[in-house]
C-alpha atoms as a PDB file:
ATOM      1  CA  UNK A   1     -64.848  34.794  10.972  1.00  0.00           C
ATOM      2  CA  UNK A   2     -65.995  31.548  12.531  1.00  0.00           C
ATOM      3  CA  UNK A   3     -62.970  30.461  14.579  1.00  0.00           C
ATOM      4  CA  UNK A   4     -63.926  26.789  14.567  1.00  0.00           C
ATOM      5  CA  UNK A   5     -64.391  26.799  10.762  1.00  0.00           C
ATOM      6  CA  UNK A   6     -61.014  28.472  10.227  1.00  0.00           C
ATOM      7  CA  UNK A   7     -59.282  25.966  12.456  1.00  0.00           C
ATOM      8  CA  UNK A   8     -61.019  23.036  10.747  1.00  0.00           C
ATOM      9  CA  UNK A   9     -59.990  24.341   7.307  1.00  0.00           C
ATOM     10  CA  UNK A  10     -56.322  24.627   8.326  1.00  0.00           C
ATOM     11  CA  UNK A  11     -56.372  21.149   9.831  1.00  0.00           C
ATOM     12  CA  UNK A  12     -57.905  19.730   6.646  1.00  0.00           C
ATOM     13  CA  UNK A  13     -55.186  21.411   4.534  1.00  0.00           C
ATOM     14  CA  UNK A  14     -52.450  19.880   6.675  1.00  0.00           C
ATOM     15  CA  UNK A  15     -54.052  16.418   6.441  1.00  0.00           C
ATOM     16  CA  UNK A  16     -54.317  16.683   2.648  1.00  0.00           C
ATOM     17  CA  UNK A  17     -50.678  17.829   2.339  1.00  0.00           C
ATOM     18  CA  UNK A  18     -49.454  14.889   4.424  1.00  0.00           C
ATOM     19  CA  UNK A  19     -51.587  12.483   2.430  1.00  0.00           C
ATOM     20  CA  UNK A  20     -50.270  13.844  -0.866  1.00  0.00           C
ATOM     21  CA  UNK A  21     -46.676  13.572   0.316  1.00  0.00           C
ATOM     22  CA  UNK A  22     -47.253   9.963   1.351  1.00  0.00           C
ATOM     23  CA  UNK A  23     -48.708   8.977  -2.021  1.00  0.00           C
ATOM     24  CA  UNK A  24     -46.337  11.008  -4.251  1.00  0.00           C
ATOM     25  CA  UNK A  25     -43.634   8.988  -5.995  1.00  0.00           C
ATOM     26  CA  UNK A  26     -40.319   9.021  -4.099  1.00  0.00           C
ATOM     27  CA  UNK A  27     -37.578  11.164  -5.639  1.00  0.00           C
ATOM     28  CA  UNK A  28     -34.515   9.127  -6.576  1.00  0.00           C
ATOM     29  CA  UNK A  29     -31.481   9.958  -4.421  1.00  0.00           C
ATOM     30  CA  UNK A  30     -28.940  12.134  -6.158  1.00  0.00           C
ATOM     31  CA  UNK A  31     -25.881  10.086  -7.170  1.00  0.00           C
ATOM     32  CA  UNK A  32     -22.586  11.952  -7.143  1.00  0.00           C
ATOM     33  CA  UNK A  33     -20.806  11.554 -10.462  1.00  0.00           C
ATOM     34  CA  UNK A  34     -17.358   9.909 -10.261  1.00  0.00           C
ATOM     35  CA  UNK A  35     -14.471  12.351 -10.465  1.00  0.00           C
ATOM     36  CA  UNK A  36     -13.204  12.733 -14.018  1.00  0.00           C
ATOM     37  CA  UNK A  37     -10.052  14.800 -14.608  1.00  0.00           C
ATOM     38  CA  UNK A  38      -9.865  16.946 -17.720  1.00  0.00           C
ATOM     39  CA  UNK A  39      -6.805  17.514 -19.856  1.00  0.00           C
ATOM     40  CA  UNK A  40      -5.290  20.902 -19.080  1.00  0.00           C
ATOM     41  CA  UNK A  41      -6.859  21.279 -15.647  1.00  0.00           C
ATOM     42  CA  UNK A  42      -4.667  23.387 -13.323  1.00  0.00           C
ATOM     43  CA  UNK A  43      -2.603  21.794 -10.578  1.00  0.00           C
ATOM     44  CA  UNK A  44      -0.226  23.135  -7.953  1.00  0.00           C
ATOM     45  CA  UNK A  45       2.816  23.445 -10.228  1.00  0.00           C
ATOM     46  CA  UNK A  46       1.648  22.268 -13.660  1.00  0.00           C
ATOM     47  CA  UNK A  47      -1.522  21.630 -15.607  1.00  0.00           C
ATOM     48  CA  UNK A  48      -2.513  17.984 -15.934  1.00  0.00           C
ATOM     49  CA  UNK A  49      -1.806  16.210 -19.210  1.00  0.00           C
ATOM     50  CA  UNK A  50      -1.731  12.404 -19.110  1.00  0.00           C
ATOM     51  CA  UNK A  51       1.250  10.484 -20.442  1.00  0.00           C
ATOM     52  CA  UNK A  52       0.190   8.148 -23.238  1.00  0.00           C
ATOM     53  CA  UNK A  53       0.197   4.453 -22.369  1.00  0.00           C
ATOM     54  CA  UNK A  54       2.728   3.876 -25.167  1.00  0.00           C
ATOM     55  CA  UNK A  55       5.130   6.361 -23.626  1.00  0.00           C
ATOM     56  CA  UNK A  56       4.587   4.962 -20.142  1.00  0.00           C
ATOM     57  CA  UNK A  57       5.705   1.568 -21.448  1.00  0.00           C
ATOM     58  CA  UNK A  58       8.694   3.144 -23.207  1.00  0.00           C
ATOM     59  CA  UNK A  59       9.771   4.983 -20.048  1.00  0.00           C
ATOM     60  CA  UNK A  60       9.572   1.840 -17.920  1.00  0.00           C
ATOM     61  CA  UNK A  61      11.442  -0.166 -20.533  1.00  0.00           C
ATOM     62  CA  UNK A  62      14.215   2.434 -20.752  1.00  0.00           C
ATOM     63  CA  UNK A  63      14.592   2.324 -16.969  1.00  0.00           C
ATOM     64  CA  UNK A  64      14.584  -1.498 -17.106  1.00  0.00           C
ATOM     65  CA  UNK A  65      11.991  -1.664 -14.326  1.00  0.00           C
ATOM     66  CA  UNK A  66      11.692  -5.090 -12.674  1.00  0.00           C
ATOM     67  CA  UNK A  67      10.132  -6.599  -9.568  1.00  0.00           C
ATOM     68  CA  UNK A  68      13.305  -5.607  -7.687  1.00  0.00           C
ATOM     69  CA  UNK A  69      12.626  -1.904  -8.105  1.00  0.00           C
ATOM     70  CA  UNK A  70      10.932   0.748  -6.025  1.00  0.00           C
ATOM     71  CA  UNK A  71       9.539   3.375  -8.379  1.00  0.00           C
ATOM     72  CA  UNK A  72       8.303   6.811  -7.305  1.00  0.00           C
ATOM     73  CA  UNK A  73       6.291   8.934  -9.727  1.00  0.00           C
ATOM     74  CA  UNK A  74       6.526  12.666  -8.986  1.00  0.00           C
ATOM     75  CA  UNK A  75       3.158  14.222  -9.789  1.00  0.00           C
ATOM     76  CA  UNK A  76       1.424  10.919 -10.459  1.00  0.00           C
ATOM     77  CA  UNK A  77      -1.836  12.318 -11.879  1.00  0.00           C
ATOM     78  CA  UNK A  78      -4.302   9.532 -12.632  1.00  0.00           C
ATOM     79  CA  UNK A  79      -1.796   6.902 -11.488  1.00  0.00           C
ATOM     80  CA  UNK A  80      -1.203   5.155 -14.801  1.00  0.00           C
ATOM     81  CA  UNK A  81       2.618   5.067 -14.547  1.00  0.00           C
ATOM     82  CA  UNK A  82       2.531   3.705 -11.000  1.00  0.00           C
ATOM     83  CA  UNK A  83      -0.029   1.060 -11.967  1.00  0.00           C
ATOM     84  CA  UNK A  84       1.996   0.034 -15.035  1.00  0.00           C
ATOM     85  CA  UNK A  85       5.118  -0.368 -12.871  1.00  0.00           C
ATOM     86  CA  UNK A  86       3.160  -2.431 -10.342  1.00  0.00           C
ATOM     87  CA  UNK A  87       2.028  -4.734 -13.142  1.00  0.00           C
ATOM     88  CA  UNK A  88       5.717  -5.413 -13.776  1.00  0.00           C
ATOM     89  CA  UNK A  89       5.998  -6.497 -10.155  1.00  0.00           C
ATOM     90  CA  UNK A  90       7.718  -3.348  -8.861  1.00  0.00           C
ATOM     91  CA  UNK A  91       6.682  -1.562  -5.692  1.00  0.00           C
ATOM     92  CA  UNK A  92       5.506   1.845  -6.842  1.00  0.00           C
ATOM     93  CA  UNK A  93       4.431   5.048  -5.133  1.00  0.00           C
ATOM     94  CA  UNK A  94       2.623   8.005  -6.660  1.00  0.00           C
ATOM     95  CA  UNK A  95       3.062  11.440  -5.073  1.00  0.00           C
ATOM     96  CA  UNK A  96       0.214  13.750  -6.110  1.00  0.00           C
ATOM     97  CA  UNK A  97      -1.015  17.056  -4.691  1.00  0.00           C
ATOM     98  CA  UNK A  98      -4.628  16.778  -5.933  1.00  0.00           C
ATOM     99  CA  UNK A  99      -6.607  14.625  -3.430  1.00  0.00           C
ATOM    100  CA  UNK A 100      -9.235  13.757  -6.052  1.00  0.00           C
ATOM    101  CA  UNK A 101      -6.505  12.384  -8.313  1.00  0.00           C
ATOM    102  CA  UNK A 102      -5.133  10.352  -5.405  1.00  0.00           C
ATOM    103  CA  UNK A 103      -8.509   8.724  -4.773  1.00  0.00           C
ATOM    104  CA  UNK A 104      -9.030   8.122  -8.497  1.00  0.00           C
ATOM    105  CA  UNK A 105      -5.611   6.438  -8.674  1.00  0.00           C
ATOM    106  CA  UNK A 106      -6.351   4.221  -5.678  1.00  0.00           C
ATOM    107  CA  UNK A 107      -9.624   3.120  -7.281  1.00  0.00           C
ATOM    108  CA  UNK A 108      -7.864   2.375 -10.570  1.00  0.00           C
ATOM    109  CA  UNK A 109      -5.166   0.356  -8.802  1.00  0.00           C
ATOM    110  CA  UNK A 110      -7.844  -1.671  -6.993  1.00  0.00           C
ATOM    111  CA  UNK A 111      -9.659  -2.278 -10.283  1.00  0.00           C
ATOM    112  CA  UNK A 112      -6.411  -3.518 -11.852  1.00  0.00           C
ATOM    113  CA  UNK A 113      -5.671  -5.732  -8.845  1.00  0.00           C
ATOM    114  CA  UNK A 114      -2.360  -4.085  -7.918  1.00  0.00           C
ATOM    115  CA  UNK A 115      -3.252  -2.200  -4.736  1.00  0.00           C
ATOM    116  CA  UNK A 116      -0.629  -4.113  -2.756  1.00  0.00           C
ATOM    117  CA  UNK A 117       2.123  -2.888  -5.071  1.00  0.00           C
ATOM    118  CA  UNK A 118       0.754   0.499  -6.171  1.00  0.00           C
ATOM    119  CA  UNK A 119       0.206   3.121  -3.477  1.00  0.00           C
ATOM    120  CA  UNK A 120      -0.590   6.814  -3.634  1.00  0.00           C
ATOM    121  CA  UNK A 121      -0.224   9.718  -1.239  1.00  0.00           C
ATOM    122  CA  UNK A 122      -1.366  13.318  -1.269  1.00  0.00           C
ATOM    123  CA  UNK A 123       1.819  15.356  -0.846  1.00  0.00           C
ATOM    124  CA  UNK A 124       3.984  18.143  -2.230  1.00  0.00           C
ATOM    125  CA  UNK A 125       6.871  16.725  -4.283  1.00  0.00           C
ATOM    126  CA  UNK A 126       9.189  19.462  -3.003  1.00  0.00           C
ATOM    127  CA  UNK A 127       8.575  18.361   0.584  1.00  0.00           C
ATOM    128  CA  UNK A 128       8.691  14.616  -0.074  1.00  0.00           C
ATOM    129  CA  UNK A 129      11.469  12.119   0.589  1.00  0.00           C
ATOM    130  CA  UNK A 130      12.158   9.955  -2.451  1.00  0.00           C
ATOM    131  CA  UNK A 131      15.668   8.884  -1.450  1.00  0.00           C
ATOM    132  CA  UNK A 132      14.710   5.195  -1.311  1.00  0.00           C
ATOM    133  CA  UNK A 133      13.586   5.032  -4.938  1.00  0.00           C
ATOM    134  CA  UNK A 134      15.570   3.062  -7.496  1.00  0.00           C
ATOM    135  CA  UNK A 135      13.551   4.658 -10.318  1.00  0.00           C
ATOM    136  CA  UNK A 136      12.007   8.146 -10.513  1.00  0.00           C
ATOM    137  CA  UNK A 137       9.460   9.002 -13.212  1.00  0.00           C
ATOM    138  CA  UNK A 138       8.033  12.440 -13.913  1.00  0.00           C
ATOM    139  CA  UNK A 139       6.210  14.673 -16.383  1.00  0.00           C
ATOM    140  CA  UNK A 140       7.077  18.111 -15.050  1.00  0.00           C
ATOM    141  CA  UNK A 141       8.119  21.399 -16.606  1.00  0.00           C
ATOM    142  CA  UNK A 142      11.842  22.160 -17.161  1.00  0.00           C
ATOM    143  CA  UNK A 143      11.985  24.791 -14.408  1.00  0.00           C
ATOM    144  CA  UNK A 144      10.576  22.287 -11.901  1.00  0.00           C
ATOM    145  CA  UNK A 145      13.054  19.647 -13.051  1.00  0.00           C
ATOM    146  CA  UNK A 146      15.841  22.146 -12.369  1.00  0.00           C
ATOM    147  CA  UNK A 147      14.507  22.864  -8.885  1.00  0.00           C
ATOM    148  CA  UNK A 148      14.494  19.125  -8.162  1.00  0.00           C
ATOM    149  CA  UNK A 149      17.867  18.453  -9.808  1.00  0.00           C
ATOM    150  CA  UNK A 150      20.133  19.016  -6.761  1.00  0.00           C
ATOM    151  CA  UNK A 151      18.040  16.591  -4.728  1.00  0.00           C
ATOM    152  CA  UNK A 152      18.061  14.071  -7.575  1.00  0.00           C
ATOM    153  CA  UNK A 153      21.845  14.281  -7.980  1.00  0.00           C
ATOM    154  CA  UNK A 154      22.205  13.405  -4.284  1.00  0.00           C
ATOM    155  CA  UNK A 155      20.328  10.137  -4.780  1.00  0.00           C
ATOM    156  CA  UNK A 156      22.186   6.826  -4.714  1.00  0.00           C
ATOM    157  CA  UNK A 157      24.410   6.424  -7.792  1.00  0.00           C
ATOM    158  CA  UNK A 158      22.657   4.253 -10.348  1.00  0.00           C
ATOM    159  CA  UNK A 159      19.165   5.574  -9.602  1.00  0.00           C
ATOM    160  CA  UNK A 160      17.321   5.857 -12.918  1.00  0.00           C
ATOM    161  CA  UNK A 161      15.402   9.046 -13.714  1.00  0.00           C
ATOM    162  CA  UNK A 162      12.928   9.087 -16.605  1.00  0.00           C
ATOM    163  CA  UNK A 163      11.134  12.199 -17.829  1.00  0.00           C
ATOM    164  CA  UNK A 164       8.354  12.654 -20.332  1.00  0.00           C
ATOM    165  CA  UNK A 165       9.654  15.243 -22.840  1.00  0.00           C
ATOM    166  CA  UNK A 166      11.243  17.781 -20.502  1.00  0.00           C
ATOM    167  CA  UNK A 167      14.960  18.127 -19.813  1.00  0.00           C
ATOM    168  CA  UNK A 168      17.271  18.771 -16.846  1.00  0.00           C
ATOM    169  CA  UNK A 169      18.950  21.876 -18.225  1.00  0.00           C
ATOM    170  CA  UNK A 170      22.635  21.282 -19.017  1.00  0.00           C
ATOM    171  CA  UNK A 171      22.571  17.792 -17.479  1.00  0.00           C
ATOM    172  CA  UNK A 172      22.296  15.877 -20.745  1.00  0.00           C
ATOM    173  CA  UNK A 173      20.233  12.712 -20.807  1.00  0.00           C
ATOM    174  CA  UNK A 174      22.069   9.376 -21.025  1.00  0.00           C
ATOM    175  CA  UNK A 175      19.416   8.090 -23.425  1.00  0.00           C
ATOM    176  CA  UNK A 176      16.561   9.560 -25.450  1.00  0.00           C
ATOM    177  CA  UNK A 177      13.821   7.636 -27.214  1.00  0.00           C
ATOM    178  CA  UNK A 178      10.443   8.232 -28.867  1.00  0.00           C
ATOM    179  CA  UNK A 179       7.220   6.278 -28.614  1.00  0.00           C
ATOM    180  CA  UNK A 180       5.305   6.138 -31.881  1.00  0.00           C
ATOM    181  CA  UNK A 181       7.860   7.870 -34.095  1.00  0.00           C
ATOM    182  CA  UNK A 182       6.959  10.480 -36.686  1.00  0.00           C
ATOM    183  CA  UNK A 183       3.309  11.409 -36.954  1.00  0.00           C
ATOM    184  CA  UNK A 184       2.517  10.048 -33.517  1.00  0.00           C
ATOM    185  CA  UNK A 185      -0.925  11.112 -32.331  1.00  0.00           C
ATOM    186  CA  UNK A 186      -2.901  10.436 -29.178  1.00  0.00           C
ATOM    187  CA  UNK A 187      -5.907  12.610 -28.360  1.00  0.00           C
ATOM    188  CA  UNK A 188      -5.869  11.556 -24.697  1.00  0.00           C
ATOM    189  CA  UNK A 189      -2.309  12.691 -24.115  1.00  0.00           C
ATOM    190  CA  UNK A 190      -1.665  15.663 -26.381  1.00  0.00           C
ATOM    191  CA  UNK A 191       0.350  13.735 -28.949  1.00  0.00           C
ATOM    192  CA  UNK A 192       3.221  16.285 -28.932  1.00  0.00           C
ATOM    193  CA  UNK A 193       4.532  14.636 -25.774  1.00  0.00           C
ATOM    194  CA  UNK A 194       6.090  11.374 -26.929  1.00  0.00           C
ATOM    195  CA  UNK A 195       9.784  11.617 -25.969  1.00  0.00           C
ATOM    196  CA  UNK A 196      11.330   9.738 -23.059  1.00  0.00           C
ATOM    197  CA  UNK A 197      14.612  10.894 -21.512  1.00  0.00           C
ATOM    198  CA  UNK A 198      16.705   8.748 -19.176  1.00  0.00           C
ATOM    199  CA  UNK A 199      19.377   9.855 -16.716  1.00  0.00           C
ATOM    200  CA  UNK A 200      21.491   7.599 -14.509  1.00  0.00           C
ATOM    201  CA  UNK A 201      22.509   9.378 -11.296  1.00  0.00           C
ATOM    202  CA  UNK A 202      26.330   9.436 -11.415  1.00  0.00           C
ATOM    203  CA  UNK A 203      28.699   8.775  -8.555  1.00  0.00           C
ATOM    204  CA  UNK A 204      30.649  11.785  -7.283  1.00  0.00           C
ATOM    205  CA  UNK A 205      34.312  11.539  -8.296  1.00  0.00           C
ATOM    206  CA  UNK A 206      35.655  15.117  -8.253  1.00  0.00           C
ATOM    207  CA  UNK A 207      38.835  15.372  -6.192  1.00  0.00           C
ATOM    208  CA  UNK A 208      42.249  13.773  -5.890  1.00  0.00           C
ATOM    209  CA  UNK A 209      42.528   9.994  -5.796  1.00  0.00           C
ATOM    210  CA  UNK A 210      45.626   8.084  -4.725  1.00  0.00           C
ATOM    211  CA  UNK A 211      46.678   5.112  -6.883  1.00  0.00           C
ATOM    212  CA  UNK A 212      49.826   3.693  -5.309  1.00  0.00           C
ATOM    213  CA  UNK A 213      52.392   6.435  -6.076  1.00  0.00           C
ATOM    214  CA  UNK A 214      50.188   8.130  -8.658  1.00  0.00           C
ATOM    215  CA  UNK A 215      47.514  10.778  -8.268  1.00  0.00           C
ATOM    216  CA  UNK A 216      44.313  10.857 -10.271  1.00  0.00           C
ATOM    217  CA  UNK A 217      42.982  14.441 -10.228  1.00  0.00           C
ATOM    218  CA  UNK A 218      39.416  14.788 -11.500  1.00  0.00           C
ATOM    219  CA  UNK A 219      36.892  17.535 -12.145  1.00  0.00           C
ATOM    220  CA  UNK A 220      33.340  16.415 -12.832  1.00  0.00           C
ATOM    221  CA  UNK A 221      30.372  17.694 -14.844  1.00  0.00           C
ATOM    222  CA  UNK A 222      27.439  15.373 -14.145  1.00  0.00           C
ATOM    223  CA  UNK A 223      28.208  12.012 -15.858  1.00  0.00           C
ATOM    224  CA  UNK A 224      31.406  13.229 -17.535  1.00  0.00           C
ATOM    225  CA  UNK A 225      34.754  14.203 -16.076  1.00  0.00           C
ATOM    226  CA  UNK A 226      38.255  15.227 -17.050  1.00  0.00           C
ATOM    227  CA  UNK A 227      41.598  15.505 -15.328  1.00  0.00           C
ATOM    228  CA  UNK A 228      45.056  13.992 -15.273  1.00  0.00           C
ATOM    229  CA  UNK A 229      47.069  11.092 -13.957  1.00  0.00           C
ATOM    230  CA  UNK A 230      50.182  12.416 -12.220  1.00  0.00           C
ATOM    231  CA  UNK A 231      53.324  10.643 -11.155  1.00  0.00           C
ATOM    232  CA  UNK A 232      56.422  12.567 -10.062  1.00  0.00           C
ATOM    233  CA  UNK A 233      56.807  15.409 -12.530  1.00  0.00           C
ATOM    234  CA  UNK A 234      54.844  13.617 -15.234  1.00  0.00           C
ATOM    235  CA  UNK A 235      51.185  14.374 -15.986  1.00  0.00           C
ATOM    236  CA  UNK A 236      49.047  12.386 -18.431  1.00  0.00           C
ATOM    237  CA  UNK A 237      45.714  13.978 -19.415  1.00  0.00           C
ATOM    238  CA  UNK A 238      42.752  11.644 -19.311  1.00  0.00           C
ATOM    239  CA  UNK A 239      40.107  11.387 -22.020  1.00  0.00           C
ATOM    240  CA  UNK A 240      36.694   9.786 -22.523  1.00  0.00           C
ATOM    241  CA  UNK A 241      35.874  10.174 -18.829  1.00  0.00           C
ATOM    242  CA  UNK A 242      32.428   8.738 -18.300  1.00  0.00           C
ATOM    243  CA  UNK A 243      30.203   7.633 -15.414  1.00  0.00           C
ATOM    244  CA  UNK A 244      27.118   5.470 -15.618  1.00  0.00           C
ATOM    245  CA  UNK A 245      25.907   5.290 -12.069  1.00  0.00           C
ATOM    246  CA  UNK A 246      28.819   3.908 -10.065  1.00  0.00           C
ATOM    247  CA  UNK A 247      30.599   2.531 -13.152  1.00  0.00           C
ATOM    248  CA  UNK A 248      33.596   4.606 -14.248  1.00  0.00           C
ATOM    249  CA  UNK A 249      35.716   4.511 -17.391  1.00  0.00           C
ATOM    250  CA  UNK A 250      38.449   6.684 -18.903  1.00  0.00           C
ATOM    251  CA  UNK A 251      41.640   6.543 -20.937  1.00  0.00           C
ATOM    252  CA  UNK A 252      45.066   7.740 -19.806  1.00  0.00           C
ATOM    253  CA  UNK A 253      47.774   7.479 -22.441  1.00  0.00           C
ATOM    254  CA  UNK A 254      47.487   4.025 -23.987  1.00  0.00           C
ATOM    255  CA  UNK A 255      45.709   2.514 -20.952  1.00  0.00           C
ATOM    256  CA  UNK A 256      41.972   2.018 -20.557  1.00  0.00           C
ATOM    257  CA  UNK A 257      40.663   2.213 -17.005  1.00  0.00           C
ATOM    258  CA  UNK A 258      37.323   0.762 -15.881  1.00  0.00           C
ATOM    259  CA  UNK A 259      35.994   0.287 -12.376  1.00  0.00           C
ATOM    260  CA  UNK A 260      33.315   0.710  -9.754  1.00  0.00           C
ATOM    261  CA  UNK A 261      33.063   3.733  -7.468  1.00  0.00           C
ATOM    262  CA  UNK A 262      32.123   2.932  -3.878  1.00  0.00           C
ATOM    263  CA  UNK A 263      32.055   6.208  -1.970  1.00  0.00           C
ATOM    264  CA  UNK A 264      35.774   6.916  -1.311  1.00  0.00           C
ATOM    265  CA  UNK A 265      37.205   3.921  -3.197  1.00  0.00           C
ATOM    266  CA  UNK A 266      37.436   2.867  -6.816  1.00  0.00           C
ATOM    267  CA  UNK A 267      38.312  -0.681  -7.793  1.00  0.00           C
ATOM    268  CA  UNK A 268      38.656  -1.996 -11.303  1.00  0.00           C
ATOM    269  CA  UNK A 269      41.022  -3.075 -14.050  1.00  0.00           C
ATOM    270  CA  UNK A 270      43.479  -1.399 -16.416  1.00  0.00           C
ATOM    271  CA  UNK A 271      43.748  -2.689 -19.947  1.00  0.00           C
ATOM    272  CA  UNK A 272      47.012  -1.933 -21.731  1.00  0.00           C
ATOM    273  CA  UNK A 273      47.455  -3.834 -24.939  1.00  0.00           C
ATOM    274  CA  UNK A 274      46.883  -7.496 -24.133  1.00  0.00           C
ATOM    275  CA  UNK A 275      47.632  -6.986 -20.446  1.00  0.00           C
ATOM    276  CA  UNK A 276      44.911  -6.519 -17.807  1.00  0.00           C
ATOM    277  CA  UNK A 277      45.837  -5.547 -14.259  1.00  0.00           C
ATOM    278  CA  UNK A 278      43.777  -4.508 -11.210  1.00  0.00           C
ATOM    279  CA  UNK A 279      43.789  -0.987  -9.835  1.00  0.00           C
ATOM    280  CA  UNK A 280      42.497   0.642  -6.650  1.00  0.00           C
ATOM    281  CA  UNK A 281      42.120   4.338  -5.912  1.00  0.00           C
ATOM    282  CA  UNK A 282      41.359   6.032  -2.597  1.00  0.00           C
ATOM    283  CA  UNK A 283      39.965   9.534  -2.279  1.00  0.00           C
ATOM    284  CA  UNK A 284      42.118  11.830  -0.214  1.00  0.00           C
ATOM    285  CA  UNK A 285      40.477  12.677   3.122  1.00  0.00           C
ATOM    286  CA  UNK A 286      40.525  16.422   2.347  1.00  0.00           C
ATOM    287  CA  UNK A 287      38.350  15.766  -0.746  1.00  0.00           C
ATOM    288  CA  UNK A 288      35.690  13.646   0.991  1.00  0.00           C
END
C-alpha cells in the first residue's frame, strides 16, 4: 500500500468529518423537566396525597390562624398549607423529608410572593423541634399521630393541632368539621379525605390543689378531668371538668368554677346563684 496515499486519505476523512460537524445544525440543549409529584408516591413514613385547598382553608379557619401565629406543618408535601397560612399573615414553616418537595414548595412560595413568611426545611419530623409553634397542621397516619402525641401534649397549653382525617387515638378531638359535605369530590386530593379535626393542647392539672382550707384533688384524661373538693371530713365530687388550653371549668355542688391555669396556680371566679367570688388554687409542691 502506498503509505503517502493512505495518510492523505485518513487526513481527508478527518477534514470532512470536522467540516460536517461545523455545518450540522446544533442540537438543542436538554432541558430538565420541573419536578412534579404524583399522588400516592412513597415517602419516608407515608405516601403523598395532597390536602384539598378547601380542606386547607377549613383547617386554618378552625385553628383561627392569624398574623400573630407561628404555624408548623408536619410533612408539608407541596407546601400548600404553609403558603395558605402565610397568605393570612402568619409565619409558617414546612417540615418535609423529600428534598424535591422542599424545593418545589420554595418555588411555589416565591411565585405566590410569600417567601418571607413561608419557609421550608428538609428534616425528619420525629427529630424536629416544633415547641415554638402556636398551630400544628398535619396529614399523617393514625400510628404516626400516636407516636407524636406525647411530644404534642407537652407543647404550651392552648397550642392548636389540626389534622386532615386522622385521629389521635383515645384523645378525642375538641372539634370536627367537613369541607364540602356529602358527595364531596376532588380528583387532586383523593376526595375521601375531607374531615378536619382540631385539638387544643390542655394544661396539666392532675394533682392536689390548695384553695384556702379546701383541697381540690384532680385526675386528668387529656382535656377532661374528675375529682373532688374536700374540706375537713366533707368531700364534694366535681362534674363537667373541662379544659380548653389553659382555661378550666367544673362544677362542685351548686357552684360553677371557671379560671385560668398558669403552671402551678389557678385563678378565676366561682359562681353560686347570683353571687360571684374570686378563687385561687396552688398546686402542692409534691405534685409539681
